[in-house]
N, C-alpha and C. Protein backbone atom coordinates (compact mmCIF):
# COMPACT_ATOMS: atom_id res chain seq x y z
N MET A 1 106.14 136.40 132.77
CA MET A 1 107.25 136.23 131.39
C MET A 1 107.07 134.96 130.62
N ALA A 2 107.45 133.75 131.78
CA ALA A 2 107.78 132.19 131.12
C ALA A 2 106.30 131.85 130.69
N MET A 3 105.25 132.61 131.42
CA MET A 3 103.78 132.05 131.11
C MET A 3 103.20 132.27 129.70
N ASP A 4 103.54 133.74 129.59
CA ASP A 4 103.85 134.27 128.20
C ASP A 4 104.39 134.05 126.77
N MET A 5 105.13 133.14 127.13
CA MET A 5 106.34 132.69 126.38
C MET A 5 105.90 131.50 125.65
N ARG A 6 105.36 130.55 126.98
CA ARG A 6 104.58 129.77 126.55
C ARG A 6 103.62 129.53 125.67
N LEU A 7 102.53 130.45 126.17
CA LEU A 7 101.40 130.67 125.77
C LEU A 7 101.61 130.79 124.12
N LEU A 8 102.99 131.76 124.10
CA LEU A 8 103.22 132.30 122.44
C LEU A 8 103.45 130.91 121.78
N VAL A 9 104.34 130.03 122.51
CA VAL A 9 104.91 128.81 121.62
C VAL A 9 103.68 128.38 121.12
N VAL A 10 102.70 127.89 122.27
CA VAL A 10 101.78 126.67 122.21
C VAL A 10 100.42 127.24 121.05
N VAL A 11 100.75 128.33 120.83
CA VAL A 11 99.77 129.34 119.59
C VAL A 11 100.34 129.14 118.45
N LEU A 12 101.71 129.33 118.32
CA LEU A 12 102.38 129.25 117.31
C LEU A 12 102.41 127.69 116.89
N LEU A 13 102.74 127.14 117.71
CA LEU A 13 102.10 125.16 117.02
C LEU A 13 101.15 125.35 116.94
N LEU A 14 100.07 125.42 117.52
CA LEU A 14 98.87 125.51 116.88
C LEU A 14 98.64 125.95 115.67
N SER A 15 99.00 127.51 115.44
CA SER A 15 98.76 127.68 113.87
C SER A 15 99.43 126.93 112.96
N PHE A 16 100.83 126.42 113.20
CA PHE A 16 101.50 125.62 112.04
C PHE A 16 100.96 124.51 111.71
N SER A 17 100.41 123.62 112.88
CA SER A 17 99.60 122.22 112.84
C SER A 17 98.28 122.54 111.67
N CYS A 18 97.62 123.59 112.16
CA CYS A 18 96.74 124.47 111.38
C CYS A 18 96.71 124.20 109.89
N ALA A 19 97.51 125.21 109.69
CA ALA A 19 97.88 125.20 108.43
C ALA A 19 98.66 124.32 107.41
N SER A 20 99.50 123.83 107.89
CA SER A 20 99.76 122.50 107.27
C SER A 20 98.50 121.55 106.90
N GLN A 21 97.37 121.24 108.15
CA GLN A 21 96.32 120.41 107.99
C GLN A 21 95.74 120.79 106.69
N ALA A 22 95.36 122.61 106.39
CA ALA A 22 94.75 123.09 105.61
C ALA A 22 94.98 122.66 104.43
N GLN A 23 96.36 122.21 104.38
CA GLN A 23 97.14 122.76 102.73
C GLN A 23 96.64 121.20 102.53
N SER A 24 96.51 119.67 103.04
CA SER A 24 95.75 118.52 102.95
C SER A 24 94.47 118.60 102.67
N VAL A 25 93.94 118.09 101.76
CA VAL A 25 92.40 117.89 101.45
C VAL A 25 92.15 116.27 101.62
N THR A 26 91.35 116.06 102.66
CA THR A 26 90.49 114.61 103.02
C THR A 26 89.50 114.94 102.32
N SER A 27 89.11 113.72 101.85
CA SER A 27 87.43 114.15 101.45
C SER A 27 86.86 112.37 101.81
N ASP A 28 85.79 112.34 101.57
CA ASP A 28 84.68 111.38 102.26
C ASP A 28 85.03 110.58 100.74
N GLY A 29 85.37 110.47 99.26
CA GLY A 29 85.32 110.35 98.31
C GLY A 29 84.24 110.55 97.36
N SER A 30 83.26 111.51 97.61
CA SER A 30 81.91 111.88 96.83
C SER A 30 82.64 112.40 95.30
N ASP A 31 83.83 113.27 96.09
CA ASP A 31 84.02 114.00 94.58
C ASP A 31 85.59 113.93 94.03
N VAL A 32 86.03 112.82 94.31
CA VAL A 32 87.02 112.18 93.87
C VAL A 32 86.81 112.23 92.35
N TYR A 33 86.17 112.10 91.78
CA TYR A 33 86.03 111.61 90.16
C TYR A 33 86.10 113.16 89.82
N GLU A 34 85.55 114.44 90.29
CA GLU A 34 85.32 115.50 90.07
C GLU A 34 87.04 115.96 89.74
N ARG A 35 87.95 115.55 90.88
CA ARG A 35 89.20 115.94 91.12
C ARG A 35 89.64 115.33 89.76
N LEU A 36 89.26 113.99 89.94
CA LEU A 36 90.12 113.34 88.81
C LEU A 36 90.10 114.26 87.16
N GLU A 37 88.80 114.60 87.09
CA GLU A 37 88.70 115.67 85.73
C GLU A 37 89.25 116.60 85.60
N THR A 38 89.46 117.17 86.94
CA THR A 38 90.21 118.92 87.09
C THR A 38 91.57 118.21 86.58
N PHE A 39 92.27 116.70 86.64
CA PHE A 39 93.47 116.53 86.23
C PHE A 39 93.33 115.76 84.95
N GLY A 40 92.62 115.95 84.09
CA GLY A 40 92.44 115.80 82.83
C GLY A 40 92.26 114.07 82.39
N PHE A 41 91.76 113.31 83.67
CA PHE A 41 91.42 112.45 83.56
C PHE A 41 90.16 111.91 83.45
N PRO A 42 89.76 110.66 82.63
CA PRO A 42 88.40 110.53 83.19
C PRO A 42 87.77 109.33 84.52
N GLU A 43 86.94 110.11 85.04
CA GLU A 43 86.21 109.71 85.70
C GLU A 43 86.43 108.13 85.94
N GLY A 44 86.16 107.48 85.07
CA GLY A 44 86.04 105.58 84.80
C GLY A 44 87.73 105.45 85.36
N LEU A 45 88.34 105.33 85.86
CA LEU A 45 90.00 105.16 86.33
C LEU A 45 89.85 104.37 87.25
N LEU A 46 88.69 105.19 88.09
CA LEU A 46 88.40 104.90 89.64
C LEU A 46 87.38 103.22 89.71
N PRO A 47 86.89 102.60 90.45
CA PRO A 47 85.91 102.16 90.66
C PRO A 47 84.89 102.59 91.45
N HIS A 48 83.69 102.27 91.43
CA HIS A 48 82.04 103.49 92.25
C HIS A 48 82.61 102.99 93.71
N ILE A 49 83.54 102.17 94.01
CA ILE A 49 83.43 101.70 95.40
C ILE A 49 84.60 102.75 96.62
N VAL A 50 84.81 103.88 95.73
CA VAL A 50 85.86 104.49 96.50
C VAL A 50 85.39 105.59 97.92
N THR A 51 86.01 105.04 99.08
CA THR A 51 84.70 105.56 100.02
C THR A 51 85.62 106.72 100.69
N GLY A 52 87.38 107.09 100.23
CA GLY A 52 87.65 108.36 100.58
C GLY A 52 89.14 108.43 100.02
N TYR A 53 89.70 109.82 100.41
CA TYR A 53 90.62 110.14 100.05
C TYR A 53 91.57 110.97 100.91
N THR A 54 92.84 111.10 100.26
CA THR A 54 93.53 112.54 101.04
C THR A 54 94.44 112.53 99.68
N PHE A 55 94.60 113.55 99.78
CA PHE A 55 94.96 114.68 98.69
C PHE A 55 95.88 115.78 98.85
N GLU A 56 96.96 116.17 98.94
CA GLU A 56 98.41 117.27 99.49
C GLU A 56 98.62 118.08 98.31
N PRO A 57 99.29 118.95 98.84
CA PRO A 57 99.26 120.21 97.45
C PRO A 57 100.79 119.84 96.84
N SER A 58 101.39 118.98 97.14
CA SER A 58 102.08 118.37 96.19
C SER A 58 101.77 117.35 95.09
N GLY A 59 100.86 116.78 95.20
CA GLY A 59 99.76 115.71 94.50
C GLY A 59 99.85 114.59 94.66
N ARG A 60 100.83 114.61 95.99
CA ARG A 60 100.88 113.01 96.42
C ARG A 60 99.07 112.64 97.39
N PHE A 61 98.60 111.43 97.06
CA PHE A 61 97.88 110.57 97.01
C PHE A 61 97.30 109.90 97.76
N THR A 62 96.85 109.40 98.67
CA THR A 62 96.26 108.11 98.96
C THR A 62 94.50 107.49 98.92
N LEU A 63 94.32 106.58 98.63
CA LEU A 63 92.94 106.83 97.83
C LEU A 63 92.33 105.32 98.42
N TYR A 64 91.20 105.43 99.15
CA TYR A 64 90.48 104.12 99.87
C TYR A 64 89.34 103.71 99.22
N LEU A 65 89.61 102.36 98.78
CA LEU A 65 88.02 101.74 98.51
C LEU A 65 87.19 101.01 99.57
N ALA A 66 86.03 100.60 99.40
CA ALA A 66 85.32 99.97 100.87
C ALA A 66 85.88 98.55 100.45
N SER A 67 86.16 97.50 99.43
CA SER A 67 87.02 96.56 99.23
C SER A 67 88.20 96.59 98.66
N LYS A 68 88.81 95.39 97.84
CA LYS A 68 89.43 95.03 97.07
C LYS A 68 88.43 94.53 95.82
N CYS A 69 88.92 95.32 94.64
CA CYS A 69 88.26 95.02 93.69
C CYS A 69 88.45 94.43 91.98
N GLN A 70 88.10 94.38 91.72
CA GLN A 70 88.27 93.32 90.46
C GLN A 70 87.77 93.70 89.14
N VAL A 71 88.20 94.22 87.85
CA VAL A 71 87.44 94.21 86.89
C VAL A 71 88.19 94.35 85.75
N LEU A 72 87.52 94.03 84.67
CA LEU A 72 87.85 94.05 83.60
C LEU A 72 88.08 95.15 82.18
N ILE A 73 89.17 95.47 81.87
CA ILE A 73 90.00 96.35 80.83
C ILE A 73 89.65 96.02 79.37
N GLN A 74 88.42 96.45 78.51
CA GLN A 74 88.34 95.99 77.26
C GLN A 74 87.56 94.53 77.50
N ASP A 75 87.11 94.31 78.32
CA ASP A 75 86.07 93.14 79.01
C ASP A 75 87.05 91.64 78.75
N LYS A 76 88.84 92.07 78.31
CA LYS A 76 89.69 90.79 78.65
C LYS A 76 91.03 90.91 79.63
N TYR A 77 91.29 91.88 80.16
CA TYR A 77 92.09 92.12 80.97
C TYR A 77 92.10 92.54 82.54
N PRO A 78 92.09 91.46 83.56
CA PRO A 78 91.78 91.99 84.46
C PRO A 78 92.63 92.50 85.28
N LEU A 79 92.21 93.67 85.83
CA LEU A 79 92.71 94.13 86.65
C LEU A 79 92.10 94.48 88.19
N ILE A 80 93.36 94.58 89.20
CA ILE A 80 92.68 94.49 90.58
C ILE A 80 93.32 95.46 91.06
N TYR A 81 92.43 96.37 91.49
CA TYR A 81 92.48 97.55 92.45
C TYR A 81 92.12 97.40 94.37
N GLU A 82 93.99 97.75 94.63
CA GLU A 82 94.02 97.23 96.24
C GLU A 82 92.87 97.55 97.06
N LYS A 83 92.58 97.87 98.10
CA LYS A 83 91.84 98.96 99.12
C LYS A 83 92.33 100.13 99.60
N LYS A 84 93.83 100.31 99.33
CA LYS A 84 94.42 101.54 99.55
C LYS A 84 95.54 101.63 98.12
N ILE A 85 95.13 102.83 97.42
CA ILE A 85 96.47 103.23 96.40
C ILE A 85 97.02 104.29 96.71
N THR A 86 97.80 104.57 96.44
CA THR A 86 98.67 106.13 96.39
C THR A 86 99.69 106.14 95.16
N GLY A 87 100.18 107.51 95.24
CA GLY A 87 100.61 107.84 94.02
C GLY A 87 100.72 109.71 93.89
N MET A 88 101.25 109.80 92.98
CA MET A 88 101.39 111.54 92.28
C MET A 88 100.46 111.42 91.43
N LEU A 89 99.68 112.84 91.81
CA LEU A 89 98.99 113.55 90.90
C LEU A 89 99.50 114.48 90.42
N SER A 90 99.55 114.95 88.78
CA SER A 90 99.34 116.33 88.09
C SER A 90 99.12 116.11 86.56
N TYR A 91 98.48 117.08 86.27
CA TYR A 91 97.88 117.22 84.97
C TYR A 91 98.14 116.21 84.22
N GLY A 92 97.52 115.29 83.71
CA GLY A 92 97.40 114.26 82.80
C GLY A 92 98.60 113.32 82.62
N ARG A 93 99.11 112.90 84.03
CA ARG A 93 99.81 112.35 84.66
C ARG A 93 99.52 111.69 86.36
N LEU A 94 99.77 110.27 86.51
CA LEU A 94 99.24 109.41 87.22
C LEU A 94 101.07 108.91 87.49
N GLN A 95 101.40 109.22 88.47
CA GLN A 95 103.01 108.03 88.69
C GLN A 95 103.06 107.69 90.14
N GLY A 96 104.44 106.87 90.06
CA GLY A 96 104.52 105.95 91.37
C GLY A 96 103.16 105.33 92.43
N LEU A 97 102.51 104.77 91.23
CA LEU A 97 101.34 104.17 91.42
C LEU A 97 101.64 103.01 92.23
N LYS A 98 100.68 102.84 93.28
CA LYS A 98 100.91 101.21 94.25
C LYS A 98 100.12 100.89 94.48
N GLY A 99 99.46 99.66 94.33
CA GLY A 99 98.11 99.39 94.36
C GLY A 99 96.86 98.99 93.48
N ILE A 100 97.38 98.97 91.94
CA ILE A 100 96.72 98.62 91.20
C ILE A 100 97.53 97.93 90.34
N THR A 101 97.33 96.46 89.82
CA THR A 101 97.50 95.23 89.03
C THR A 101 97.45 94.77 88.19
N VAL A 102 97.58 94.71 86.93
CA VAL A 102 97.01 93.60 85.62
C VAL A 102 97.62 92.70 85.47
N LYS A 103 96.64 91.82 84.75
CA LYS A 103 97.74 90.38 84.46
C LYS A 103 97.15 89.88 82.68
N ALA A 104 98.86 90.07 82.75
CA ALA A 104 98.76 90.08 81.01
C ALA A 104 100.41 88.98 80.98
N LEU A 105 99.65 87.98 79.90
CA LEU A 105 100.84 87.45 79.77
C LEU A 105 101.23 86.19 80.54
N TYR A 106 99.75 85.97 81.06
CA TYR A 106 99.89 85.26 82.15
C TYR A 106 100.88 85.29 83.72
N VAL A 107 101.08 86.83 83.99
CA VAL A 107 101.97 87.15 85.42
C VAL A 107 101.18 88.50 85.46
N TRP A 108 100.85 88.50 86.89
CA TRP A 108 100.36 89.88 87.53
C TRP A 108 101.64 90.90 87.62
N TRP A 109 101.50 92.48 86.64
CA TRP A 109 102.30 93.48 86.77
C TRP A 109 101.93 94.58 87.23
N GLY A 110 102.39 95.51 88.30
CA GLY A 110 101.60 96.38 88.96
C GLY A 110 101.84 97.32 88.19
N ILE A 111 100.79 98.34 88.04
CA ILE A 111 100.61 99.35 86.80
C ILE A 111 101.45 100.69 87.92
N THR A 112 102.47 101.34 87.19
CA THR A 112 103.32 102.19 87.90
C THR A 112 103.01 103.74 87.44
N GLY A 113 102.15 103.67 86.54
CA GLY A 113 101.54 105.22 85.73
C GLY A 113 100.77 104.84 84.72
N ILE A 114 99.70 106.31 84.79
CA ILE A 114 99.37 106.75 83.65
C ILE A 114 99.34 107.74 83.00
N ALA A 115 99.15 107.95 81.55
CA ALA A 115 99.40 109.02 81.77
C ALA A 115 98.63 109.71 80.28
N LEU A 116 97.81 110.90 80.52
CA LEU A 116 96.83 110.97 79.25
C LEU A 116 97.74 111.55 77.76
N GLY A 117 97.93 111.02 76.70
CA GLY A 117 98.74 111.04 75.34
C GLY A 117 97.62 112.41 74.66
N ASP A 118 98.66 112.65 73.56
CA ASP A 118 98.36 114.08 72.39
C ASP A 118 97.12 113.47 71.84
N ASP A 119 96.77 111.85 71.36
CA ASP A 119 96.19 111.52 70.62
C ASP A 119 94.45 110.92 71.77
N HIS A 120 94.86 111.80 72.66
CA HIS A 120 93.45 111.35 73.68
C HIS A 120 93.42 110.28 74.15
N SER A 121 94.19 109.31 74.30
CA SER A 121 94.28 108.11 74.71
C SER A 121 95.09 108.11 76.38
N LEU A 122 94.57 106.60 76.79
CA LEU A 122 95.77 106.65 77.97
C LEU A 122 96.47 105.67 78.08
N TYR A 123 97.54 105.94 78.52
CA TYR A 123 98.70 105.10 78.55
C TYR A 123 99.41 104.81 79.86
N PHE A 124 98.77 103.40 79.81
CA PHE A 124 99.02 102.37 81.35
C PHE A 124 101.01 102.07 81.18
N GLU A 125 101.31 102.25 82.22
CA GLU A 125 102.80 102.11 82.28
C GLU A 125 102.99 101.08 83.20
N ILE A 126 103.71 100.04 83.06
CA ILE A 126 103.93 98.57 83.64
C ILE A 126 105.55 98.85 83.63
N GLY A 127 106.34 99.43 84.58
CA GLY A 127 107.98 99.25 84.29
C GLY A 127 107.91 99.95 83.52
N ILE A 128 108.98 99.47 82.38
CA ILE A 128 109.29 100.22 80.96
C ILE A 128 108.26 100.08 79.72
N LEU A 129 107.38 99.16 80.19
CA LEU A 129 106.47 99.04 79.23
C LEU A 129 105.44 99.82 79.49
N SER A 130 104.70 100.23 78.23
CA SER A 130 103.17 100.53 78.47
C SER A 130 102.58 100.09 76.75
N THR A 131 101.17 100.66 77.50
CA THR A 131 99.97 100.37 76.31
C THR A 131 99.15 101.21 76.08
N SER A 132 98.55 101.29 75.62
CA SER A 132 97.17 102.50 75.70
C SER A 132 96.04 101.98 75.04
N PHE A 133 95.21 102.41 75.71
CA PHE A 133 93.68 102.16 75.61
C PHE A 133 92.72 103.86 75.21
N PRO A 134 92.00 103.89 74.19
CA PRO A 134 90.91 105.33 74.43
C PRO A 134 90.37 105.66 75.67
N TYR A 135 90.33 107.01 75.35
CA TYR A 135 89.74 107.71 76.53
C TYR A 135 88.74 107.19 77.08
N SER A 136 88.06 107.08 75.63
CA SER A 136 86.41 106.72 76.12
C SER A 136 85.94 105.74 76.64
N ASN A 137 86.78 104.83 76.61
CA ASN A 137 86.99 103.66 77.57
C ASN A 137 86.48 103.35 78.94
N PHE A 138 86.77 104.60 79.45
CA PHE A 138 87.18 105.31 80.88
C PHE A 138 85.72 106.20 81.26
N ASP A 139 85.02 106.20 80.31
CA ASP A 139 83.88 107.44 80.16
C ASP A 139 83.19 107.00 81.94
N ASP A 140 83.16 106.12 82.06
CA ASP A 140 82.05 105.70 83.57
C ASP A 140 83.11 104.32 84.52
N PRO A 141 82.78 104.61 85.90
CA PRO A 141 83.66 104.25 86.67
C PRO A 141 82.90 102.44 86.75
N PRO A 142 84.06 101.81 86.60
CA PRO A 142 83.96 100.38 86.63
C PRO A 142 83.29 99.62 87.71
N VAL A 143 82.02 98.66 87.69
CA VAL A 143 81.55 97.73 88.75
C VAL A 143 82.23 96.67 88.97
N CYS A 144 82.75 96.80 90.23
CA CYS A 144 83.72 95.18 90.58
C CYS A 144 82.73 94.07 90.45
N GLU A 145 83.61 92.91 89.97
CA GLU A 145 83.29 91.71 89.91
C GLU A 145 83.87 90.59 90.26
N GLY A 146 82.73 89.71 90.30
CA GLY A 146 83.09 88.33 91.34
C GLY A 146 84.78 88.11 90.66
N HIS A 147 85.40 87.45 91.68
CA HIS A 147 86.63 86.88 91.14
C HIS A 147 86.64 85.80 90.31
N SER A 148 85.95 84.98 89.64
CA SER A 148 86.03 83.94 89.33
C SER A 148 85.74 84.44 87.21
N SER A 149 84.67 85.13 87.46
CA SER A 149 84.64 86.20 86.04
C SER A 149 85.63 86.62 85.61
N VAL A 150 86.41 87.14 86.19
CA VAL A 150 87.93 87.59 85.72
C VAL A 150 88.86 86.81 85.28
N GLU A 151 88.80 85.67 86.62
CA GLU A 151 90.34 84.70 85.99
C GLU A 151 89.91 84.18 84.51
N GLU A 152 88.29 83.66 84.14
CA GLU A 152 88.02 82.76 83.48
C GLU A 152 88.20 83.52 81.97
N ALA A 153 87.58 85.57 82.45
CA ALA A 153 87.86 85.99 81.11
C ALA A 153 89.61 85.90 80.64
N PHE A 154 90.33 86.59 81.77
CA PHE A 154 92.06 86.18 81.38
C PHE A 154 91.88 84.78 80.48
N MET A 155 91.69 84.11 81.04
CA MET A 155 92.25 82.59 80.02
C MET A 155 92.14 82.51 78.50
N ASP A 156 91.06 83.74 78.07
CA ASP A 156 90.95 83.48 76.57
C ASP A 156 92.16 85.19 75.93
N SER A 157 93.03 85.38 76.69
CA SER A 157 93.56 86.67 76.35
C SER A 157 95.10 85.95 77.13
N THR A 158 96.13 86.60 76.18
CA THR A 158 97.41 86.76 76.99
C THR A 158 98.25 87.47 76.21
N SER A 159 97.32 88.65 75.46
CA SER A 159 98.77 90.18 75.03
C SER A 159 97.77 90.97 75.35
N PHE A 160 98.60 91.51 75.83
CA PHE A 160 98.67 93.05 76.98
C PHE A 160 99.26 94.39 75.53
N PHE A 161 100.43 93.91 75.60
CA PHE A 161 101.04 94.99 75.21
C PHE A 161 101.21 94.39 73.57
């Protein structure tokens, strides 16, 4: 009887473990751009070097890049993606972001959220401040650039907001 009870407990624990793992999505990154689009975002929000991600039913995600990545927004605002990015994703809203920074007014700022506006713009939130860019600016995943070109481009740019 005691052996049957232990077997039942082991089976129940394994089923709970499998059920909780089935609710979370883990991917090699190949479908991350499609997942973004199902939540209303353009695939160009993420660079081309995504290697994998996890996505929980709550919307919490962790995104992995092959390396740290620097890109320019509108050819003048340097943006850095860390190797690991976390946050919450819901339709038209990315919030609690960690791992993405932008340089504006000579200071690096953490982008804490991105929202899809009614005017089909993307609103980038930096603390209590935000600025918008046309959705079409993010049609294609950005290609990571060399460190020096990003810094040089910023030297000509002083306003983000």
